[in-house]
Amino acid sequence: MVTSRISTFVKSSLLTILSTLTFSAQAQITQIRFAVDPTYPPFESKQPDGKIIGFDIDLGNAICRQVGAQCHWVESSFDTMIPALKAHKFDAILSDMGITEARLKQINFSIPIYNTPIRLVTHKGKHLEPNAKSLLGMRIGVEQGTVQETYAKAKWQPHGVDVVIYADQSQVESDLLSGQIDALLTDAVQAKIGFLSQPRAKGFALTGQPIPSKGLVGPTAIGLRKNDTQLKAAIDNALITLAQNGTLQKIQKKYFETDIIVIPQQHR
């Protein structure tokens, strides 16, 4: 079953949702600085003109409108986001960050927002399963600081799998395309929509079964400092409202074919 710390957090978040939050001090929050790693479409990516777009960007902008604050986007490498958050380089992390035991020890999270599976990507016709036996002797790419890195290093690396760590997702994909690695491990939605939909990836596909997330990672949420209770209350309240009025569902449909939102159905 899901580890106790993650399970406790998710259960308490559900109680928060069901209690229907009220937050009278939202007007005091005039801006929210969100950290983002724009190498992870469709969640976040950068256009040629430098504009950052994606699901998380639309979500953050909707939250800011609901709170009555200005949104500011701070680019950051994923593996440095938690220390930078704690150092007040920005106010929150909105970059497809799942809830884990290790992260809960350092930071807090908003109520859970969505959940997506983890999958391998490799050459079409090359069937691989996400286990050490199937991947023995292969080079598997992961983005630094992700749950994929944690999983691959714990489950595969000690058993003869070469886990190759990259600073950002675009570098993992480039080395897969050039043959420097045999497969990459990533968010399945990111792989399908952000990478495999591109012409350059026509020779690649998802392979094997999804990795069980139980005990590894909870749903995705917004990372926050532990003592920022006012900002957490504002963001949680905004998320519940966005789910209730249909805005969250509308944003989801813009990017995804399947329902990934985990806020309870009665609040949509």
C-alpha atoms as a PDB file:
ATOM      1  CA  MET A   1       0.000   0.000   0.000  1.00  0.00           C
ATOM      2  CA  VAL A   2       1.026   3.658  -0.297  1.00  0.00           C
ATOM      3  CA  THR A   3       3.607   4.601   2.334  1.00  0.00           C
ATOM      4  CA  SER A   4       2.203   6.089   5.521  1.00  0.00           C
ATOM      5  CA  ARG A   5       3.444   9.666   5.078  1.00  0.00           C
ATOM      6  CA  ILE A   6       2.035   9.973   1.539  1.00  0.00           C
ATOM      7  CA  SER A   7      -1.203   8.226   2.521  1.00  0.00           C
ATOM      8  CA  THR A   8      -1.682  10.488   5.536  1.00  0.00           C
ATOM      9  CA  PHE A   9      -1.087  13.593   3.437  1.00  0.00           C
ATOM     10  CA  VAL A  10      -3.542  12.539   0.725  1.00  0.00           C
ATOM     11  CA  LYS A  11      -6.219  11.641   3.296  1.00  0.00           C
ATOM     12  CA  SER A  12      -5.824  14.978   5.090  1.00  0.00           C
ATOM     13  CA  SER A  13      -6.041  16.760   1.729  1.00  0.00           C
ATOM     14  CA  LEU A  14      -9.319  15.007   0.971  1.00  0.00           C
ATOM     15  CA  LEU A  15     -10.693  16.192   4.304  1.00  0.00           C
ATOM     16  CA  THR A  16      -9.574  19.693   3.367  1.00  0.00           C
ATOM     17  CA  ILE A  17     -11.509  19.446   0.103  1.00  0.00           C
ATOM     18  CA  LEU A  18     -14.613  17.997   1.719  1.00  0.00           C
ATOM     19  CA  SER A  19     -14.666  20.702   4.398  1.00  0.00           C
ATOM     20  CA  THR A  20     -15.053  23.405   1.689  1.00  0.00           C
ATOM     21  CA  LEU A  21     -12.340  25.916   2.459  1.00  0.00           C
ATOM     22  CA  THR A  22     -12.867  29.568   3.218  1.00  0.00           C
ATOM     23  CA  PHE A  23      -9.968  31.994   3.146  1.00  0.00           C
ATOM     24  CA  SER A  24     -10.549  35.631   3.948  1.00  0.00           C
ATOM     25  CA  ALA A  25      -6.986  36.885   3.524  1.00  0.00           C
ATOM     26  CA  GLN A  26      -6.542  36.052  -0.171  1.00  0.00           C
ATOM     27  CA  ALA A  27      -6.385  39.748  -1.094  1.00  0.00           C
ATOM     28  CA  GLN A  28      -3.120  40.038   0.815  1.00  0.00           C
ATOM     29  CA  ILE A  29      -1.382  37.831  -1.752  1.00  0.00           C
ATOM     30  CA  THR A  30      -0.511  40.123  -4.640  1.00  0.00           C
ATOM     31  CA  GLN A  31       1.821  37.831  -6.583  1.00  0.00           C
ATOM     32  CA  ILE A  32       2.801  34.167  -6.839  1.00  0.00           C
ATOM     33  CA  ARG A  33       6.185  33.205  -8.249  1.00  0.00           C
ATOM     34  CA  PHE A  34       5.934  29.692  -9.688  1.00  0.00           C
ATOM     35  CA  ALA A  35       9.032  27.616 -10.481  1.00  0.00           C
ATOM     36  CA  VAL A  36       8.891  25.742 -13.769  1.00  0.00           C
ATOM     37  CA  ASP A  37      11.224  23.537 -15.825  1.00  0.00           C
ATOM     38  CA  PRO A  38      10.175  24.362 -19.421  1.00  0.00           C
ATOM     39  CA  THR A  39      11.580  21.165 -20.975  1.00  0.00           C
ATOM     40  CA  TYR A  40       8.575  18.979 -20.191  1.00  0.00           C
ATOM     41  CA  PRO A  41       5.718  19.382 -22.681  1.00  0.00           C
ATOM     42  CA  PRO A  42       2.721  19.299 -22.498  1.00  0.00           C
ATOM     43  CA  PHE A  43       3.085  20.339 -18.858  1.00  0.00           C
ATOM     44  CA  GLU A  44       5.501  23.152 -19.627  1.00  0.00           C
ATOM     45  CA  SER A  45       7.696  24.128 -22.571  1.00  0.00           C
ATOM     46  CA  LYS A  46       9.169  27.205 -24.212  1.00  0.00           C
ATOM     47  CA  GLN A  47       8.172  28.541 -27.611  1.00  0.00           C
ATOM     48  CA  PRO A  48      10.792  29.933 -30.032  1.00  0.00           C
ATOM     49  CA  ASP A  49       9.852  33.462 -28.932  1.00  0.00           C
ATOM     50  CA  GLY A  50      10.649  32.560 -25.320  1.00  0.00           C
ATOM     51  CA  LYS A  51       7.052  32.325 -24.115  1.00  0.00           C
ATOM     52  CA  ILE A  52       6.425  29.469 -21.656  1.00  0.00           C
ATOM     53  CA  ILE A  53       3.276  27.458 -22.341  1.00  0.00           C
ATOM     54  CA  GLY A  54       1.593  24.255 -21.145  1.00  0.00           C
ATOM     55  CA  PHE A  55      -0.929  22.682 -18.807  1.00  0.00           C
ATOM     56  CA  ASP A  56       0.864  23.793 -15.642  1.00  0.00           C
ATOM     57  CA  ILE A  57       1.148  27.334 -16.994  1.00  0.00           C
ATOM     58  CA  ASP A  58      -2.571  27.554 -17.755  1.00  0.00           C
ATOM     59  CA  LEU A  59      -3.301  26.073 -14.343  1.00  0.00           C
ATOM     60  CA  GLY A  60      -1.045  28.544 -12.551  1.00  0.00           C
ATOM     61  CA  ASN A  61      -2.543  31.497 -14.396  1.00  0.00           C
ATOM     62  CA  ALA A  62      -6.045  30.315 -13.471  1.00  0.00           C
ATOM     63  CA  ILE A  63      -5.000  30.011  -9.823  1.00  0.00           C
ATOM     64  CA  CYS A  64      -3.563  33.529  -9.849  1.00  0.00           C
ATOM     65  CA  ARG A  65      -6.743  34.946 -11.368  1.00  0.00           C
ATOM     66  CA  GLN A  66      -8.812  33.194  -8.712  1.00  0.00           C
ATOM     67  CA  VAL A  67      -6.579  34.453  -5.900  1.00  0.00           C
ATOM     68  CA  GLY A  68      -6.347  37.944  -7.401  1.00  0.00           C
ATOM     69  CA  ALA A  69      -2.578  37.819  -7.726  1.00  0.00           C
ATOM     70  CA  GLN A  70      -0.070  38.324 -10.521  1.00  0.00           C
ATOM     71  CA  CYS A  71       1.659  35.204 -11.848  1.00  0.00           C
ATOM     72  CA  HIS A  72       5.421  35.193 -12.370  1.00  0.00           C
ATOM     73  CA  TRP A  73       7.278  32.224 -13.854  1.00  0.00           C
ATOM     74  CA  VAL A  74      10.797  31.420 -12.690  1.00  0.00           C
ATOM     75  CA  GLU A  75      12.739  28.928 -14.805  1.00  0.00           C
ATOM     76  CA  SER A  76      14.609  26.361 -12.747  1.00  0.00           C
ATOM     77  CA  SER A  77      16.189  22.952 -13.259  1.00  0.00           C
ATOM     78  CA  PHE A  78      13.969  20.336 -11.687  1.00  0.00           C
ATOM     79  CA  ASP A  79      16.583  18.896  -9.326  1.00  0.00           C
ATOM     80  CA  THR A  80      17.306  22.302  -7.732  1.00  0.00           C
ATOM     81  CA  MET A  81      13.690  23.366  -7.208  1.00  0.00           C
ATOM     82  CA  ILE A  82      13.233  22.218  -3.607  1.00  0.00           C
ATOM     83  CA  PRO A  83      16.399  23.881  -2.217  1.00  0.00           C
ATOM     84  CA  ALA A  84      15.617  27.013  -4.246  1.00  0.00           C
ATOM     85  CA  LEU A  85      12.059  27.071  -2.877  1.00  0.00           C
ATOM     86  CA  LYS A  86      13.400  26.823   0.668  1.00  0.00           C
ATOM     87  CA  ALA A  87      15.819  29.657  -0.133  1.00  0.00           C
ATOM     88  CA  HIS A  88      12.863  31.865  -1.212  1.00  0.00           C
ATOM     89  CA  LYS A  89      13.938  32.072  -4.868  1.00  0.00           C
ATOM     90  CA  PHE A  90      10.244  31.642  -5.692  1.00  0.00           C
ATOM     91  CA  ASP A  91       6.995  30.934  -3.853  1.00  0.00           C
ATOM     92  CA  ALA A  92       5.791  27.601  -5.207  1.00  0.00           C
ATOM     93  CA  ILE A  93       6.711  24.723  -7.522  1.00  0.00           C
ATOM     94  CA  LEU A  94       4.286  24.036 -10.376  1.00  0.00           C
ATOM     95  CA  SER A  95       6.241  21.611 -12.542  1.00  0.00           C
ATOM     96  CA  ASP A  96       4.629  18.142 -12.552  1.00  0.00           C
ATOM     97  CA  MET A  97       6.066  17.324  -9.104  1.00  0.00           C
ATOM     98  CA  GLY A  98       4.632  14.234  -7.453  1.00  0.00           C
ATOM     99  CA  ILE A  99       4.218  13.856  -3.694  1.00  0.00           C
ATOM    100  CA  THR A 100       6.884  11.565  -2.211  1.00  0.00           C
ATOM    101  CA  GLU A 101       8.065  10.607   1.269  1.00  0.00           C
ATOM    102  CA  ALA A 102      11.398  12.370   0.755  1.00  0.00           C
ATOM    103  CA  ARG A 103       9.802  15.580  -0.519  1.00  0.00           C
ATOM    104  CA  LEU A 104       7.259  15.699   2.309  1.00  0.00           C
ATOM    105  CA  LYS A 105      10.152  15.777   4.760  1.00  0.00           C
ATOM    106  CA  GLN A 106      11.395  19.003   3.181  1.00  0.00           C
ATOM    107  CA  ILE A 107       8.352  20.861   1.852  1.00  0.00           C
ATOM    108  CA  ASN A 108       4.562  20.935   1.922  1.00  0.00           C
ATOM    109  CA  PHE A 109       2.153  20.476  -0.983  1.00  0.00           C
ATOM    110  CA  SER A 110      -1.193  21.779  -2.115  1.00  0.00           C
ATOM    111  CA  ILE A 111      -4.124  19.393  -2.266  1.00  0.00           C
ATOM    112  CA  PRO A 112      -3.447  16.668  -4.876  1.00  0.00           C
ATOM    113  CA  ILE A 113      -4.332  17.796  -8.402  1.00  0.00           C
ATOM    114  CA  TYR A 114      -3.681  15.011 -10.925  1.00  0.00           C
ATOM    115  CA  ASN A 115      -2.075  11.611 -11.341  1.00  0.00           C
ATOM    116  CA  THR A 116      -0.238  10.066 -14.310  1.00  0.00           C
ATOM    117  CA  PRO A 117       1.586   6.735 -14.834  1.00  0.00           C
ATOM    118  CA  ILE A 118       5.330   6.199 -15.374  1.00  0.00           C
ATOM    119  CA  ARG A 119       6.468   4.341 -18.519  1.00  0.00           C
ATOM    120  CA  LEU A 120       9.484   3.370 -20.584  1.00  0.00           C
ATOM    121  CA  VAL A 121      10.034   4.722 -24.102  1.00  0.00           C
ATOM    122  CA  THR A 122      12.215   2.876 -26.629  1.00  0.00           C
ATOM    123  CA  HIS A 123      12.437   1.968 -30.336  1.00  0.00           C
ATOM    124  CA  LYS A 124       9.251   0.648 -31.898  1.00  0.00           C
ATOM    125  CA  GLY A 125       9.237  -3.128 -32.019  1.00  0.00           C
ATOM    126  CA  LYS A 126      11.682  -3.421 -29.132  1.00  0.00           C
ATOM    127  CA  HIS A 127       9.669  -4.726 -26.201  1.00  0.00           C
ATOM    128  CA  LEU A 128      11.041  -3.894 -22.763  1.00  0.00           C
ATOM    129  CA  GLU A 129       9.495  -4.368 -19.351  1.00  0.00           C
ATOM    130  CA  PRO A 130      10.295  -2.072 -16.395  1.00  0.00           C
ATOM    131  CA  ASN A 131      12.352  -4.584 -14.444  1.00  0.00           C
ATOM    132  CA  ALA A 132      16.052  -5.285 -14.008  1.00  0.00           C
ATOM    133  CA  LYS A 133      15.903  -8.617 -15.863  1.00  0.00           C
ATOM    134  CA  SER A 134      14.478  -7.064 -19.020  1.00  0.00           C
ATOM    135  CA  LEU A 135      16.818  -4.058 -18.874  1.00  0.00           C
ATOM    136  CA  LEU A 136      20.042  -5.885 -17.900  1.00  0.00           C
ATOM    137  CA  GLY A 137      23.089  -4.269 -19.518  1.00  0.00           C
ATOM    138  CA  MET A 138      21.076  -1.412 -21.041  1.00  0.00           C
ATOM    139  CA  ARG A 139      21.432   2.333 -20.630  1.00  0.00           C
ATOM    140  CA  ILE A 140      18.243   3.964 -19.329  1.00  0.00           C
ATOM    141  CA  GLY A 141      17.930   7.762 -19.277  1.00  0.00           C
ATOM    142  CA  VAL A 142      16.166   9.743 -16.545  1.00  0.00           C
ATOM    143  CA  GLU A 143      15.869  13.399 -15.627  1.00  0.00           C
ATOM    144  CA  GLN A 144      17.760  14.393 -12.493  1.00  0.00           C
ATOM    145  CA  GLY A 145      15.698  14.921  -9.356  1.00  0.00           C
ATOM    146  CA  THR A 146      12.634  13.027 -10.587  1.00  0.00           C
ATOM    147  CA  VAL A 147      10.902  10.006  -9.088  1.00  0.00           C
ATOM    148  CA  GLN A 148      12.006   8.161 -12.209  1.00  0.00           C
ATOM    149  CA  GLU A 149      15.630   8.699 -11.191  1.00  0.00           C
ATOM    150  CA  THR A 150      14.912   7.541  -7.631  1.00  0.00           C
ATOM    151  CA  TYR A 151      13.127   4.412  -8.848  1.00  0.00           C
ATOM    152  CA  ALA A 152      15.688   3.426 -11.493  1.00  0.00           C
ATOM    153  CA  LYS A 153      18.639   3.900  -9.148  1.00  0.00           C
ATOM    154  CA  ALA A 154      16.980   1.887  -6.379  1.00  0.00           C
ATOM    155  CA  LYS A 155      15.391  -0.922  -8.398  1.00  0.00           C
ATOM    156  CA  TRP A 156      17.579  -1.336 -11.481  1.00  0.00           C
ATOM    157  CA  GLN A 157      21.055   0.105 -11.017  1.00  0.00           C
ATOM    158  CA  PRO A 158      22.164  -2.413  -8.349  1.00  0.00           C
ATOM    159  CA  HIS A 159      21.228  -5.246 -10.743  1.00  0.00           C
ATOM    160  CA  GLY A 160      23.255  -4.363 -13.828  1.00  0.00           C
ATOM    161  CA  VAL A 161      21.216  -1.591 -15.445  1.00  0.00           C
ATOM    162  CA  ASP A 162      23.155   1.566 -16.387  1.00  0.00           C
ATOM    163  CA  VAL A 163      21.030   4.514 -15.224  1.00  0.00           C
ATOM    164  CA  VAL A 164      22.091   7.684 -17.045  1.00  0.00           C
ATOM    165  CA  ILE A 165      21.076  10.950 -15.384  1.00  0.00           C
ATOM    166  CA  TYR A 166      20.422  14.174 -17.302  1.00  0.00           C
ATOM    167  CA  ALA A 167      19.947  17.783 -16.252  1.00  0.00           C
ATOM    168  CA  ASP A 168      16.646  18.141 -18.121  1.00  0.00           C
ATOM    169  CA  GLN A 169      14.143  16.129 -20.136  1.00  0.00           C
ATOM    170  CA  SER A 170      15.177  17.519 -23.524  1.00  0.00           C
ATOM    171  CA  GLN A 171      18.666  16.080 -23.056  1.00  0.00           C
ATOM    172  CA  VAL A 172      17.245  12.634 -22.238  1.00  0.00           C
ATOM    173  CA  GLU A 173      15.170  12.709 -25.413  1.00  0.00           C
ATOM    174  CA  SER A 174      18.081  13.898 -27.562  1.00  0.00           C
ATOM    175  CA  ASP A 175      20.293  11.037 -26.422  1.00  0.00           C
ATOM    176  CA  LEU A 176      17.514   8.514 -27.029  1.00  0.00           C
ATOM    177  CA  LEU A 177      17.140   9.824 -30.575  1.00  0.00           C
ATOM    178  CA  SER A 178      20.896   9.650 -31.183  1.00  0.00           C
ATOM    179  CA  GLY A 179      21.224   6.145 -29.767  1.00  0.00           C
ATOM    180  CA  GLN A 180      23.262   7.099 -26.715  1.00  0.00           C
ATOM    181  CA  ILE A 181      20.731   5.363 -24.466  1.00  0.00           C
ATOM    182  CA  ASP A 182      18.457   2.369 -25.031  1.00  0.00           C
ATOM    183  CA  ALA A 183      15.322   3.786 -23.408  1.00  0.00           C
ATOM    184  CA  LEU A 184      14.052   6.621 -21.241  1.00  0.00           C
ATOM    185  CA  LEU A 185      11.823   6.488 -18.206  1.00  0.00           C
ATOM    186  CA  THR A 186       9.323   9.297 -17.840  1.00  0.00           C
ATOM    187  CA  ASP A 187       5.771  10.419 -17.200  1.00  0.00           C
ATOM    188  CA  ALA A 188       3.654   8.503 -19.725  1.00  0.00           C
ATOM    189  CA  VAL A 189       1.498  11.518 -20.563  1.00  0.00           C
ATOM    190  CA  GLN A 190       4.577  13.664 -21.147  1.00  0.00           C
ATOM    191  CA  ALA A 191       6.037  10.956 -23.381  1.00  0.00           C
ATOM    192  CA  LYS A 192       2.900  10.434 -25.449  1.00  0.00           C
ATOM    193  CA  ILE A 193       1.949  14.063 -25.994  1.00  0.00           C
ATOM    194  CA  GLY A 194       5.195  15.963 -25.525  1.00  0.00           C
ATOM    195  CA  PHE A 195       7.694  13.634 -27.221  1.00  0.00           C
ATOM    196  CA  LEU A 196       6.144  10.797 -29.226  1.00  0.00           C
ATOM    197  CA  SER A 197       3.780  13.138 -31.076  1.00  0.00           C
ATOM    198  CA  GLN A 198       6.755  14.889 -32.695  1.00  0.00           C
ATOM    199  CA  PRO A 199       7.923  13.803 -36.173  1.00  0.00           C
ATOM    200  CA  ARG A 200      11.462  13.225 -34.885  1.00  0.00           C
ATOM    201  CA  ALA A 201      10.147  10.521 -32.523  1.00  0.00           C
ATOM    202  CA  LYS A 202       8.241   8.492 -35.143  1.00  0.00           C
ATOM    203  CA  GLY A 203      10.494   5.480 -34.596  1.00  0.00           C
ATOM    204  CA  PHE A 204       9.805   5.306 -30.862  1.00  0.00           C
ATOM    205  CA  ALA A 205       6.930   4.172 -28.642  1.00  0.00           C
ATOM    206  CA  LEU A 206       5.880   3.397 -25.091  1.00  0.00           C
ATOM    207  CA  THR A 207       6.840  -0.101 -24.033  1.00  0.00           C
ATOM    208  CA  GLY A 208       6.015  -2.461 -21.195  1.00  0.00           C
ATOM    209  CA  GLN A 209       3.642  -2.032 -18.297  1.00  0.00           C
ATOM    210  CA  PRO A 210       3.316   1.151 -16.222  1.00  0.00           C
ATOM    211  CA  ILE A 211       5.451   1.176 -13.093  1.00  0.00           C
ATOM    212  CA  PRO A 212       3.296   0.767  -9.985  1.00  0.00           C
ATOM    213  CA  SER A 213       3.268   4.121  -8.210  1.00  0.00           C
ATOM    214  CA  LYS A 214       2.146   2.782  -4.845  1.00  0.00           C
ATOM    215  CA  GLY A 215       4.845   3.414  -2.286  1.00  0.00           C
ATOM    216  CA  LEU A 216       6.840   5.441  -4.818  1.00  0.00           C
ATOM    217  CA  VAL A 217       4.883   8.587  -5.492  1.00  0.00           C
ATOM    218  CA  GLY A 218       1.494  10.079  -4.733  1.00  0.00           C
ATOM    219  CA  PRO A 219      -0.513  12.395  -6.981  1.00  0.00           C
ATOM    220  CA  THR A 220       1.014  15.545  -8.439  1.00  0.00           C
ATOM    221  CA  ALA A 221       0.558  18.791  -6.511  1.00  0.00           C
ATOM    222  CA  ILE A 222       2.081  22.238  -6.046  1.00  0.00           C
ATOM    223  CA  GLY A 223       5.177  22.354  -3.835  1.00  0.00           C
ATOM    224  CA  LEU A 224       5.177  24.941  -1.031  1.00  0.00           C
ATOM    225  CA  ARG A 225       7.317  25.921   1.948  1.00  0.00           C
ATOM    226  CA  LYS A 226       6.131  24.305   5.170  1.00  0.00           C
ATOM    227  CA  ASN A 227       5.425  27.617   6.921  1.00  0.00           C
ATOM    228  CA  ASP A 228       3.566  29.277   4.021  1.00  0.00           C
ATOM    229  CA  THR A 229       0.145  28.365   5.386  1.00  0.00           C
ATOM    230  CA  GLN A 230      -1.545  31.456   3.978  1.00  0.00           C
ATOM    231  CA  LEU A 231      -0.361  30.718   0.431  1.00  0.00           C
ATOM    232  CA  LYS A 232      -1.296  27.046   0.765  1.00  0.00           C
ATOM    233  CA  ALA A 233      -4.803  27.963   1.909  1.00  0.00           C
ATOM    234  CA  ALA A 234      -5.189  30.392  -0.992  1.00  0.00           C
ATOM    235  CA  ILE A 235      -3.981  27.873  -3.583  1.00  0.00           C
ATOM    236  CA  ASP A 236      -6.038  25.008  -2.136  1.00  0.00           C
ATOM    237  CA  ASN A 237      -9.144  27.166  -2.082  1.00  0.00           C
ATOM    238  CA  ALA A 238      -8.492  28.285  -5.673  1.00  0.00           C
ATOM    239  CA  LEU A 239      -8.030  24.688  -6.856  1.00  0.00           C
ATOM    240  CA  ILE A 240     -11.316  23.598  -5.282  1.00  0.00           C
ATOM    241  CA  THR A 241     -13.137  26.510  -6.895  1.00  0.00           C
ATOM    242  CA  LEU A 242     -11.552  25.802 -10.292  1.00  0.00           C
ATOM    243  CA  ALA A 243     -12.669  22.176 -10.009  1.00  0.00           C
ATOM    244  CA  GLN A 244     -16.203  23.161  -9.008  1.00  0.00           C
ATOM    245  CA  ASN A 245     -16.720  25.738 -11.758  1.00  0.00           C
ATOM    246  CA  GLY A 246     -15.326  23.554 -14.544  1.00  0.00           C
ATOM    247  CA  THR A 247     -12.188  25.584 -15.257  1.00  0.00           C
ATOM    248  CA  LEU A 248      -9.837  22.767 -14.249  1.00  0.00           C
ATOM    249  CA  GLN A 249     -11.634  20.300 -16.490  1.00  0.00           C
ATOM    250  CA  LYS A 250     -11.523  22.759 -19.385  1.00  0.00           C
ATOM    251  CA  ILE A 251      -7.756  23.181 -19.016  1.00  0.00           C
ATOM    252  CA  GLN A 252      -7.303  19.425 -18.824  1.00  0.00           C
ATOM    253  CA  LYS A 253      -9.258  18.816 -22.051  1.00  0.00           C
ATOM    254  CA  LYS A 254      -7.036  21.312 -23.856  1.00  0.00           C
ATOM    255  CA  TYR A 255      -3.994  19.084 -23.323  1.00  0.00           C
ATOM    256  CA  PHE A 256      -5.037  15.513 -22.468  1.00  0.00           C
ATOM    257  CA  GLU A 257      -7.283  12.837 -23.938  1.00  0.00           C
ATOM    258  CA  THR A 258      -7.846  11.098 -20.601  1.00  0.00           C
ATOM    259  CA  ASP A 259      -9.041  12.270 -17.200  1.00  0.00           C
ATOM    260  CA  ILE A 260      -6.039  12.734 -14.895  1.00  0.00           C
ATOM    261  CA  ILE A 261      -7.609  15.026 -12.265  1.00  0.00           C
ATOM    262  CA  VAL A 262      -7.902  13.477  -8.789  1.00  0.00           C
ATOM    263  CA  ILE A 263      -9.981  16.124  -7.012  1.00  0.00           C
ATOM    264  CA  PRO A 264     -13.150  14.225  -5.992  1.00  0.00           C
ATOM    265  CA  GLN A 265     -15.875  14.077  -8.639  1.00  0.00           C
ATOM    266  CA  GLN A 266     -18.493  15.729  -6.412  1.00  0.00           C
ATOM    267  CA  HIS A 267     -16.417  18.884  -6.420  1.00  0.00           C
ATOM    268  CA  ARG A 268     -16.281  19.271 -10.210  1.00  0.00           C
END
